[in-house]
Amino acid sequence: MAFKSVDPIIWKHEKEGDSLTGWLMSVHPESGKYKGTAYNIEEMGTEQKFVVFGNNVLDDKMSFLKKGVLLKIVFKGKKESANKQMYNDYEVFVDDGKDPVDPKIVKIINDEDSELKDLIVKEGTPVPTLN
C-alpha cells in the first residue's frame, strides 16, 4: 500500500476573471478563523485540491449544488453593496449535464479497462479523476 500527501491550496483570486473549474468534493460550514463555509474542490485536469472560502454571495450560489458536481467559479471583482460596503462578487456555473457527476462514477470511468474512458477520450472531453 502506498500513500501520498494531500496538500490542499487555498484558492486566491487576484484579478477579475480568475476562475477555478473542478469537482465539488465536500462542504464544511463554520470553517477557519472567521467561521465561514469552506468548499473543497478538485481542479479538473490537474487533480490539485483547493479550499475555497465563501462569502454571502458565493455561499448563496453554492447552496444549490450537490457533492460531485462539476463547476466553475469565476471571480467577478469587488463590488459595492447598497449600503456602500465592498464585497467579492462571484459567478458560479455548473456542467450542463442533467445530473451531477457522482465521484463513484468518476472512479469507474477511470478504471484501466473502462470502455467509458475510451469513449470520453474519443469525444475530446477531459477524463475526471478523484485520486
Protein backbone atom coordinates (compact mmCIF):
# COMPACT_ATOMS: atom_id res chain seq x y z
CA MET A 1 0.00 0.00 0.00
CA ALA A 2 1.32 3.43 -0.92
CA PHE A 3 0.28 6.78 0.46
CA LYS A 4 0.60 10.24 -0.99
CA SER A 5 0.34 13.56 0.76
CA VAL A 6 -2.82 15.63 0.47
CA ASP A 7 -1.86 19.30 0.35
CA PRO A 8 -4.83 21.48 -0.49
CA ILE A 9 -4.16 25.03 -1.60
CA ILE A 10 -6.34 27.97 -0.62
CA TRP A 11 -7.72 29.42 -3.86
CA LYS A 12 -6.77 33.07 -4.09
CA HIS A 13 -8.11 35.07 -6.99
CA GLU A 14 -6.06 38.12 -7.92
CA LYS A 15 -7.97 39.74 -10.76
CA GLU A 16 -11.42 39.84 -12.28
CA GLY A 17 -11.98 36.78 -14.44
CA ASP A 18 -9.80 34.41 -12.40
CA SER A 19 -11.56 31.05 -12.27
CA LEU A 20 -11.43 27.56 -10.85
CA THR A 21 -13.01 24.57 -12.61
CA GLY A 22 -13.40 21.26 -10.84
CA TRP A 23 -15.49 18.87 -8.81
CA LEU A 24 -17.14 19.88 -5.54
CA MET A 25 -15.82 17.23 -3.17
CA SER A 26 -17.12 18.47 0.19
CA VAL A 27 -18.57 21.46 2.03
CA HIS A 28 -17.54 22.50 5.56
CA PRO A 29 -19.64 25.17 7.27
CA GLU A 30 -18.13 27.28 10.04
CA SER A 31 -14.53 26.64 8.99
CA GLY A 32 -11.40 28.63 9.56
CA LYS A 33 -10.64 31.75 11.52
CA TYR A 34 -13.83 33.58 10.51
CA LYS A 35 -16.15 30.55 10.76
CA GLY A 36 -17.15 30.77 7.09
CA THR A 37 -18.02 27.99 4.70
CA ALA A 38 -15.12 26.15 3.06
CA TYR A 39 -15.58 24.29 -0.23
CA ASN A 40 -13.14 21.52 -1.18
CA ILE A 41 -12.74 21.40 -4.94
CA GLU A 42 -10.56 19.11 -7.05
CA GLU A 43 -9.39 21.01 -10.10
CA MET A 44 -10.25 19.49 -13.44
CA GLY A 45 -7.20 18.31 -15.35
CA THR A 46 -4.67 18.67 -12.53
CA GLU A 47 -6.10 16.71 -9.57
CA GLN A 48 -4.94 19.62 -7.35
CA LYS A 49 -7.11 20.04 -4.28
CA PHE A 50 -8.27 23.58 -3.45
CA VAL A 51 -10.08 25.07 -0.50
CA VAL A 52 -12.36 27.95 -1.47
CA PHE A 53 -13.66 30.12 1.36
CA GLY A 54 -17.11 31.53 0.72
CA ASN A 55 -18.82 34.82 1.42
CA ASN A 56 -22.56 35.57 1.33
CA VAL A 57 -22.60 35.81 -2.48
CA LEU A 58 -20.69 32.58 -3.10
CA ASP A 59 -22.46 30.70 -0.30
CA ASP A 60 -25.89 31.57 -1.73
CA LYS A 61 -24.93 30.28 -5.18
CA MET A 62 -23.14 27.18 -3.91
CA SER A 63 -26.04 26.22 -1.61
CA PHE A 64 -27.89 24.72 -4.59
CA LEU A 65 -25.08 22.34 -5.58
CA LYS A 66 -24.57 18.72 -4.59
CA LYS A 67 -21.29 16.96 -3.92
CA GLY A 68 -19.72 15.61 -7.07
CA VAL A 69 -20.96 18.34 -9.41
CA LEU A 70 -18.56 19.74 -11.99
CA LEU A 71 -18.48 23.50 -11.52
CA LYS A 72 -16.67 26.67 -12.46
CA ILE A 73 -16.27 29.62 -10.07
CA VAL A 74 -15.40 32.97 -11.65
CA PHE A 75 -14.26 35.99 -9.62
CA LYS A 76 -16.21 39.00 -10.93
CA GLY A 77 -14.25 41.61 -8.97
CA LYS A 78 -15.02 43.77 -5.99
CA LYS A 79 -18.47 45.35 -5.96
CA GLU A 80 -20.15 47.93 -3.76
CA SER A 81 -23.32 46.92 -1.95
CA ALA A 82 -26.38 49.10 -1.45
CA ASN A 83 -25.03 50.08 1.97
CA LYS A 84 -21.66 51.10 0.44
CA GLN A 85 -19.75 48.03 1.69
CA MET A 86 -17.26 46.38 -0.68
CA TYR A 87 -17.55 42.64 -1.29
CA ASN A 88 -16.11 39.99 -3.60
CA ASP A 89 -18.55 39.01 -6.34
CA TYR A 90 -18.59 35.55 -7.95
CA GLU A 91 -20.38 33.76 -10.72
CA VAL A 92 -20.90 30.00 -10.44
CA PHE A 93 -21.51 27.72 -13.41
CA VAL A 94 -22.33 24.01 -13.39
CA ASP A 95 -21.82 21.36 -16.03
CA ASP A 96 -24.79 21.42 -18.40
CA GLY A 97 -25.43 17.67 -17.96
CA LYS A 98 -28.74 16.60 -16.46
CA ASP A 99 -27.18 15.01 -13.37
CA PRO A 100 -24.21 15.99 -11.23
CA VAL A 101 -21.06 13.92 -11.59
CA ASP A 102 -21.03 11.26 -8.91
CA PRO A 103 -17.49 10.57 -7.59
CA LYS A 104 -18.23 6.81 -7.72
CA ILE A 105 -18.93 7.08 -11.44
CA VAL A 106 -15.71 9.01 -11.96
CA LYS A 107 -13.77 6.17 -10.34
CA ILE A 108 -15.50 3.63 -12.60
CA ILE A 109 -14.67 5.73 -15.68
CA ASN A 110 -11.00 5.81 -14.68
CA ASP A 111 -10.62 2.04 -14.33
CA GLU A 112 -7.99 0.86 -16.81
CA ASP A 113 -10.42 -1.46 -18.63
CA SER A 114 -13.29 1.02 -18.76
CA GLU A 115 -14.97 1.37 -22.15
CA LEU A 116 -16.46 4.64 -20.88
CA LYS A 117 -12.98 6.15 -20.55
CA ASP A 118 -12.18 5.29 -24.18
CA LEU A 119 -15.47 6.84 -25.32
CA ILE A 120 -14.88 10.05 -23.35
CA VAL A 121 -11.34 10.41 -24.71
CA LYS A 122 -12.63 9.94 -28.28
CA GLU A 123 -15.17 12.73 -27.73
CA GLY A 124 -12.37 15.06 -26.57
CA THR A 125 -13.68 15.51 -23.05
CA PRO A 126 -11.09 15.53 -20.24
CA VAL A 127 -11.34 12.41 -18.10
CA PRO A 128 -12.04 13.36 -14.46
CA THR A 129 -10.05 11.88 -11.60
CA LEU A 130 -10.57 11.78 -7.85
CA ASN A 131 -7.28 10.17 -6.71
